[in-house]
N, C-alpha and C. Protein backbone atom coordinates (compact mmCIF):
# COMPACT_ATOMS: atom_id res chain seq x y z
N MET A 1 3.25 -4.99 -2.70
CA MET A 1 2.02 -4.08 -2.27
C MET A 1 2.67 -3.40 -1.19
N PRO A 2 2.51 -2.01 -1.33
CA PRO A 2 2.84 -1.18 -0.27
C PRO A 2 2.00 -1.32 1.03
N VAL A 3 2.50 -1.06 2.30
CA VAL A 3 1.77 -1.17 3.41
C VAL A 3 1.58 0.44 3.80
N LEU A 4 0.31 0.99 4.12
CA LEU A 4 0.17 2.25 4.45
C LEU A 4 -0.30 2.20 5.75
N PHE A 5 0.14 3.12 6.46
CA PHE A 5 -0.18 3.32 8.02
C PHE A 5 -1.05 4.66 7.89
N ASN A 6 -1.79 4.63 8.85
CA ASN A 6 -2.60 5.89 9.11
C ASN A 6 -2.61 6.35 10.62
N ALA A 7 -3.16 7.46 10.83
CA ALA A 7 -3.15 8.08 12.23
C ALA A 7 -4.16 7.05 12.98
N MET A 8 -5.01 6.46 12.51
CA MET A 8 -5.88 5.77 13.08
C MET A 8 -5.44 4.18 13.63
N ASP A 9 -4.39 3.70 12.86
CA ASP A 9 -3.55 2.47 12.94
C ASP A 9 -2.82 2.77 14.24
N PRO A 10 -2.62 1.56 14.97
CA PRO A 10 -1.44 1.49 16.00
C PRO A 10 -0.10 1.74 15.25
N MET A 11 0.63 2.48 15.90
CA MET A 11 1.90 2.73 15.33
C MET A 11 2.64 1.30 14.83
N PRO A 12 3.18 1.26 13.84
CA PRO A 12 3.95 0.05 13.23
C PRO A 12 5.03 -0.38 13.96
N SER A 13 5.36 -1.73 14.26
CA SER A 13 6.38 -2.16 14.96
C SER A 13 7.76 -1.94 14.41
N ASP A 14 8.72 -1.87 15.09
CA ASP A 14 10.19 -2.10 14.60
C ASP A 14 10.51 -3.03 13.42
N ASP A 15 9.71 -4.27 13.59
CA ASP A 15 10.07 -5.22 12.77
C ASP A 15 9.20 -5.12 11.30
N GLU A 16 7.80 -4.47 11.38
CA GLU A 16 7.10 -4.07 10.27
C GLU A 16 7.71 -2.94 9.53
N LEU A 17 8.54 -1.99 10.38
CA LEU A 17 9.13 -0.89 9.56
C LEU A 17 10.43 -1.49 8.79
N GLU A 18 11.09 -2.20 9.49
CA GLU A 18 12.40 -2.89 8.87
C GLU A 18 11.87 -3.70 7.67
N GLU A 19 10.83 -4.57 7.47
CA GLU A 19 10.21 -5.07 6.39
C GLU A 19 9.79 -4.04 5.40
N LEU A 20 9.20 -2.99 5.82
CA LEU A 20 8.83 -2.14 4.73
C LEU A 20 10.01 -1.47 4.06
N PHE A 21 11.25 -0.98 4.85
CA PHE A 21 12.14 -0.37 4.01
C PHE A 21 13.00 -1.61 3.34
N GLU A 22 13.13 -2.75 3.78
CA GLU A 22 13.74 -3.80 3.04
C GLU A 22 12.93 -4.23 1.76
N ARG A 23 11.62 -4.27 1.75
CA ARG A 23 10.80 -4.49 0.43
C ARG A 23 11.02 -3.51 -0.78
N VAL A 24 11.29 -2.26 -0.13
CA VAL A 24 11.65 -1.30 -1.21
C VAL A 24 13.07 -0.98 -1.53
N GLY A 25 13.90 -1.71 -0.75
CA GLY A 25 15.26 -1.44 -0.89
C GLY A 25 15.87 -0.13 -0.37
N ILE A 26 15.32 0.44 0.68
CA ILE A 26 15.76 1.75 1.11
C ILE A 26 16.45 1.65 2.60
N VAL A 27 17.69 2.06 2.85
CA VAL A 27 18.14 2.13 4.24
C VAL A 27 18.10 3.25 4.77
N PRO A 28 17.17 3.42 5.72
CA PRO A 28 16.92 4.73 6.56
C PRO A 28 18.22 4.83 7.38
N GLU A 29 18.57 6.19 7.71
CA GLU A 29 19.49 6.53 8.65
C GLU A 29 18.72 7.06 9.95
N TYR A 30 19.19 6.63 11.09
CA TYR A 30 18.74 7.10 12.40
C TYR A 30 19.94 7.92 13.01
N ASP A 31 19.33 8.93 13.76
CA ASP A 31 20.41 9.73 14.40
C ASP A 31 19.68 10.82 15.36
N THR A 32 20.47 11.69 15.77
CA THR A 32 19.96 12.64 16.99
C THR A 32 20.55 13.91 16.63
N LEU A 33 19.83 14.90 16.46
CA LEU A 33 20.36 16.48 16.36
C LEU A 33 19.67 17.38 17.15
N ASN A 34 20.39 18.02 17.98
CA ASN A 34 19.83 18.87 19.00
C ASN A 34 18.81 18.44 20.08
N GLY A 35 19.09 17.07 20.33
CA GLY A 35 18.22 16.44 21.31
C GLY A 35 16.92 16.00 20.54
N VAL A 36 16.92 15.98 19.27
CA VAL A 36 15.61 15.54 18.56
C VAL A 36 16.11 14.20 17.81
N HIS A 37 15.44 13.05 18.09
CA HIS A 37 15.63 11.91 17.25
C HIS A 37 15.11 11.86 15.86
N TYR A 38 15.71 11.40 14.92
CA TYR A 38 15.10 11.53 13.53
C TYR A 38 15.42 10.25 12.76
N VAL A 39 14.74 10.16 11.67
CA VAL A 39 15.10 8.99 10.63
C VAL A 39 14.96 9.71 9.36
N SER A 40 15.92 9.47 8.44
CA SER A 40 15.90 10.17 7.17
C SER A 40 16.11 9.06 6.34
N THR A 41 15.83 9.45 5.13
CA THR A 41 16.04 8.76 3.72
C THR A 41 16.36 9.80 2.65
N GLY A 42 16.74 9.06 1.43
CA GLY A 42 17.13 10.06 0.34
C GLY A 42 18.62 10.66 0.43
N ASP A 43 18.90 11.42 -0.53
CA ASP A 43 20.28 12.01 -0.71
C ASP A 43 20.09 13.35 -0.02
N ALA A 44 20.94 13.59 0.80
CA ALA A 44 21.31 14.90 1.48
C ALA A 44 21.49 16.06 0.66
N ASP A 45 21.81 15.72 -0.39
CA ASP A 45 22.12 17.00 -1.43
C ASP A 45 20.81 17.26 -2.29
N LYS A 46 19.68 16.62 -2.00
CA LYS A 46 18.30 16.78 -2.59
C LYS A 46 17.56 17.86 -1.72
N PRO A 47 16.60 18.41 -2.10
CA PRO A 47 15.73 19.47 -1.09
C PRO A 47 15.24 18.65 -0.04
N LEU A 48 15.20 19.33 1.06
CA LEU A 48 14.69 18.76 2.28
C LEU A 48 13.04 18.61 2.52
N LEU A 49 12.69 17.75 2.72
CA LEU A 49 11.09 17.50 3.16
C LEU A 49 11.22 17.01 4.45
N LEU A 50 10.64 17.91 5.36
CA LEU A 50 10.77 17.56 6.93
C LEU A 50 9.31 17.35 7.30
N PHE A 51 9.07 16.22 7.88
CA PHE A 51 7.95 15.57 8.35
C PHE A 51 7.87 15.87 9.98
N ILE A 52 6.82 16.40 10.48
CA ILE A 52 6.63 16.62 11.99
C ILE A 52 5.36 16.02 12.59
N HIS A 53 5.48 15.03 13.30
CA HIS A 53 4.18 14.50 13.75
C HIS A 53 3.41 15.49 14.91
N GLY A 54 2.17 14.99 14.98
CA GLY A 54 1.33 15.57 15.97
C GLY A 54 1.42 15.04 17.27
N SER A 55 0.39 15.20 18.14
CA SER A 55 0.32 14.81 19.55
C SER A 55 -0.97 13.67 19.63
N PRO A 56 -0.73 12.60 20.14
CA PRO A 56 0.71 11.86 20.18
C PRO A 56 1.22 11.48 19.00
N GLY A 57 2.28 11.09 19.04
CA GLY A 57 2.94 10.47 17.80
C GLY A 57 4.42 10.40 17.79
N ASN A 58 5.08 9.99 16.57
CA ASN A 58 6.42 9.91 16.49
C ASN A 58 6.87 9.72 15.11
N TRP A 59 8.05 9.63 14.83
CA TRP A 59 8.56 9.77 13.37
C TRP A 59 7.76 8.47 12.38
N LYS A 60 7.44 7.50 13.29
CA LYS A 60 6.90 6.27 12.57
C LYS A 60 5.65 6.56 11.67
N GLY A 61 5.05 7.68 11.98
CA GLY A 61 3.56 7.98 11.51
C GLY A 61 4.02 8.67 10.02
N TRP A 62 5.17 8.77 9.58
CA TRP A 62 5.46 9.09 8.35
C TRP A 62 6.32 8.06 7.53
N ALA A 63 6.31 7.12 8.13
CA ALA A 63 7.19 6.01 7.48
C ALA A 63 7.09 5.61 6.00
N ASP A 64 5.57 5.48 5.75
CA ASP A 64 5.27 5.27 4.26
C ASP A 64 5.89 6.24 3.32
N TYR A 65 6.11 7.32 3.65
CA TYR A 65 6.56 8.68 2.94
C TYR A 65 8.15 8.20 2.77
N LEU A 66 8.85 7.94 3.99
CA LEU A 66 10.12 7.75 3.84
C LEU A 66 10.62 6.61 3.02
N ALA A 67 9.80 5.74 2.74
CA ALA A 67 9.90 4.59 1.98
C ALA A 67 9.20 4.60 0.57
N ASP A 68 8.82 5.65 0.30
CA ASP A 68 8.36 5.98 -1.06
C ASP A 68 9.43 6.24 -1.99
N THR A 69 9.63 5.28 -3.07
CA THR A 69 10.66 5.38 -3.92
C THR A 69 10.94 6.53 -4.70
N THR A 70 9.62 7.18 -5.13
CA THR A 70 9.46 8.06 -5.89
C THR A 70 10.09 9.44 -5.07
N LEU A 71 9.56 9.47 -3.88
CA LEU A 71 9.98 10.68 -2.93
C LEU A 71 11.54 10.70 -2.80
N VAL A 72 11.91 9.43 -2.43
CA VAL A 72 13.52 9.44 -2.28
C VAL A 72 14.32 9.68 -3.28
N GLU A 73 13.91 9.57 -4.59
CA GLU A 73 14.58 10.13 -5.61
C GLU A 73 14.63 11.40 -5.82
N LYS A 74 13.59 12.16 -5.16
CA LYS A 74 13.50 13.67 -5.43
C LYS A 74 13.93 14.56 -4.08
N PHE A 75 13.88 13.96 -2.94
CA PHE A 75 14.10 14.56 -1.76
C PHE A 75 14.89 13.77 -0.74
N HIS A 76 15.57 14.72 0.20
CA HIS A 76 16.09 14.30 1.40
C HIS A 76 14.98 14.38 2.32
N MET A 77 14.44 13.15 2.82
CA MET A 77 13.26 13.36 3.95
C MET A 77 13.67 13.04 5.18
N VAL A 78 13.18 13.76 6.13
CA VAL A 78 13.58 13.66 7.65
C VAL A 78 12.18 13.65 8.27
N SER A 79 12.11 12.51 9.01
CA SER A 79 10.91 12.55 10.08
C SER A 79 11.49 12.59 11.51
N VAL A 80 10.82 13.53 12.26
CA VAL A 80 11.52 13.79 13.51
C VAL A 80 10.48 13.21 14.73
N ASP A 81 11.08 12.88 15.80
CA ASP A 81 10.35 12.65 17.00
C ASP A 81 10.65 13.97 17.79
N ARG A 82 9.35 14.70 17.93
CA ARG A 82 9.40 15.98 18.54
C ARG A 82 9.96 15.88 19.97
N LYS A 83 10.54 16.79 20.54
CA LYS A 83 10.93 16.75 22.03
C LYS A 83 9.69 16.34 22.79
N GLY A 84 10.18 15.43 23.70
CA GLY A 84 9.37 14.98 24.57
C GLY A 84 8.46 13.48 24.09
N PHE A 85 8.93 13.11 22.80
CA PHE A 85 8.08 11.96 22.30
C PHE A 85 9.10 11.10 21.56
N GLY A 86 8.99 9.66 21.27
CA GLY A 86 9.81 8.81 20.85
C GLY A 86 11.14 8.68 21.55
N ASN A 87 12.18 8.81 20.76
CA ASN A 87 13.53 8.80 21.32
C ASN A 87 14.19 10.05 21.43
N SER A 88 13.24 11.17 21.42
CA SER A 88 14.11 12.53 21.63
C SER A 88 13.94 12.87 23.29
N GLU A 89 14.80 13.95 23.35
CA GLU A 89 14.92 14.31 24.99
C GLU A 89 13.56 14.87 25.20
N ALA A 90 13.45 14.99 26.59
CA ALA A 90 12.14 15.46 27.23
C ALA A 90 11.92 17.03 26.94
N ALA A 91 10.91 17.44 26.84
CA ALA A 91 10.77 19.09 26.60
C ALA A 91 10.40 19.65 27.77
N VAL A 92 10.59 21.16 27.79
CA VAL A 92 10.30 21.72 28.82
C VAL A 92 8.82 22.38 28.71
N GLU A 93 8.09 22.45 29.60
CA GLU A 93 6.54 22.81 29.47
C GLU A 93 6.51 24.48 29.11
N GLU A 94 7.41 25.19 29.73
CA GLU A 94 6.98 26.57 29.53
C GLU A 94 7.40 26.82 28.07
N ASN A 95 6.58 27.83 27.32
CA ASN A 95 6.69 28.23 25.93
C ASN A 95 6.98 27.02 25.08
N TYR A 96 6.06 25.96 25.28
CA TYR A 96 6.09 24.78 24.51
C TYR A 96 6.33 24.94 22.97
N LEU A 97 5.27 25.80 22.47
CA LEU A 97 5.52 25.82 20.93
C LEU A 97 6.72 26.48 20.54
N ALA A 98 7.08 27.52 20.89
CA ALA A 98 8.45 27.70 20.72
C ALA A 98 9.53 27.03 20.81
N GLU A 99 9.74 26.23 21.96
CA GLU A 99 10.66 25.30 22.15
C GLU A 99 10.50 24.04 21.17
N GLN A 100 9.33 23.69 20.74
CA GLN A 100 9.32 22.65 19.81
C GLN A 100 9.95 22.91 18.30
N ALA A 101 9.46 24.38 18.06
CA ALA A 101 10.01 24.99 16.81
C ALA A 101 11.37 25.25 16.77
N LYS A 102 12.05 25.64 17.75
CA LYS A 102 13.50 25.93 17.73
C LYS A 102 14.18 24.72 17.91
N ALA A 103 13.72 23.50 18.57
CA ALA A 103 14.71 22.33 18.38
C ALA A 103 14.54 21.92 17.04
N LEU A 104 13.82 22.42 16.12
CA LEU A 104 13.80 21.84 14.71
C LEU A 104 14.58 22.85 13.79
N VAL A 105 14.95 23.93 14.30
CA VAL A 105 15.75 24.88 13.28
C VAL A 105 16.97 24.33 12.59
N PRO A 106 17.89 23.43 13.49
CA PRO A 106 19.04 22.95 12.97
C PRO A 106 18.79 21.97 11.78
N PHE A 107 17.73 21.41 11.84
CA PHE A 107 17.27 20.45 10.70
C PHE A 107 17.19 21.23 9.15
N LEU A 108 16.71 22.54 9.29
CA LEU A 108 16.58 23.71 8.29
C LEU A 108 17.97 23.91 7.89
N LYS A 109 18.79 24.12 8.76
CA LYS A 109 20.30 24.72 8.64
C LYS A 109 21.13 23.79 8.02
N GLN A 110 20.87 22.41 8.19
CA GLN A 110 21.83 21.56 7.69
C GLN A 110 21.47 21.14 6.25
N SER A 111 20.35 21.62 5.59
CA SER A 111 20.10 21.23 4.29
C SER A 111 21.12 21.66 3.30
N ASN A 112 21.50 21.04 2.38
CA ASN A 112 22.43 21.23 1.40
C ASN A 112 22.25 21.91 0.11
N THR A 113 20.92 22.24 -0.02
CA THR A 113 20.46 23.10 -1.10
C THR A 113 20.10 24.46 -1.03
N ALA A 114 19.99 25.19 -2.08
CA ALA A 114 19.53 26.41 -1.83
C ALA A 114 17.79 26.46 -2.05
N GLN A 115 17.29 25.46 -2.30
CA GLN A 115 15.81 25.29 -2.37
C GLN A 115 15.26 25.38 -0.87
N ARG A 116 14.19 26.18 -0.67
CA ARG A 116 13.41 26.23 0.60
C ARG A 116 12.92 24.73 1.09
N PRO A 117 13.25 24.54 2.33
CA PRO A 117 12.68 23.14 2.54
C PRO A 117 11.06 23.27 2.64
N ILE A 118 10.51 21.82 2.73
CA ILE A 118 9.25 21.79 2.66
C ILE A 118 8.91 21.15 3.74
N LEU A 119 8.01 21.68 4.72
CA LEU A 119 7.60 21.25 6.17
C LEU A 119 6.25 20.83 6.00
N VAL A 120 6.12 19.59 6.47
CA VAL A 120 4.94 18.88 6.60
C VAL A 120 4.34 18.42 7.92
N GLY A 121 3.27 18.94 8.39
CA GLY A 121 2.79 18.50 9.63
C GLY A 121 1.28 18.17 9.56
N HIS A 122 0.82 17.52 10.54
CA HIS A 122 -0.53 17.39 10.78
C HIS A 122 -0.87 17.54 12.22
N SER A 123 -2.21 17.81 12.51
CA SER A 123 -2.50 17.86 13.89
C SER A 123 -1.91 19.00 14.56
N TYR A 124 -1.39 18.58 15.84
CA TYR A 124 -0.63 19.79 16.58
C TYR A 124 0.55 20.28 15.90
N SER A 125 0.93 19.46 14.96
CA SER A 125 2.26 19.98 14.56
C SER A 125 2.19 21.29 13.44
N VAL A 126 0.81 21.34 12.94
CA VAL A 126 0.81 22.56 12.16
C VAL A 126 1.06 23.63 12.81
N PRO A 127 0.50 24.15 14.13
CA PRO A 127 1.14 25.33 14.78
C PRO A 127 2.72 25.33 14.86
N ILE A 128 3.22 24.26 14.95
CA ILE A 128 4.87 24.10 15.21
C ILE A 128 5.43 24.52 13.90
N VAL A 129 4.84 23.80 12.72
CA VAL A 129 5.23 24.34 11.40
C VAL A 129 5.21 25.77 11.02
N ILE A 130 4.10 26.39 11.44
CA ILE A 130 3.97 27.74 11.36
C ILE A 130 4.83 28.62 12.18
N ARG A 131 5.19 28.19 13.23
CA ARG A 131 5.76 28.95 14.23
C ARG A 131 7.52 28.78 13.54
N LEU A 132 7.81 27.70 13.47
CA LEU A 132 9.11 27.39 12.74
C LEU A 132 9.12 28.20 11.45
N ALA A 133 8.38 28.27 10.43
CA ALA A 133 8.64 29.10 9.27
C ALA A 133 8.38 30.84 9.90
N MET A 134 7.77 31.12 10.82
CA MET A 134 7.63 32.42 11.17
C MET A 134 9.28 32.91 11.83
N ASP A 135 9.74 31.86 12.59
CA ASP A 135 11.00 32.03 13.34
C ASP A 135 12.06 32.02 12.46
N LYS A 136 12.05 31.42 11.52
CA LYS A 136 13.28 30.96 10.63
C LYS A 136 14.14 32.18 10.01
């Protein structure tokens, strides 16, 4: 039975996330790019599905998607901790929206496919997604 986390629930613990990924047989990768911590699942040669959390939040808000076996078969999924959140480096306050979008550009550039990445956001990350798409 899948565990679904939502924005109204407290963030899942590391143990709960480990259990979630183990239950479905997926091994997530944890890394940092351009000062942005991220977690990824799926084959890097598949189209990129980039998840961007709102405020407050972190990558864990998208954990259910990263652990979805159907999505893992079709996408390289990446969920980020935006600058200033989770395990990412601090953000500078001036021109905050532009800085948040600029920090995510390297994720788009590392995509290994000719297909356009799919950007997914909610709450405050929606303007970041729009800015990222405009600036790309």
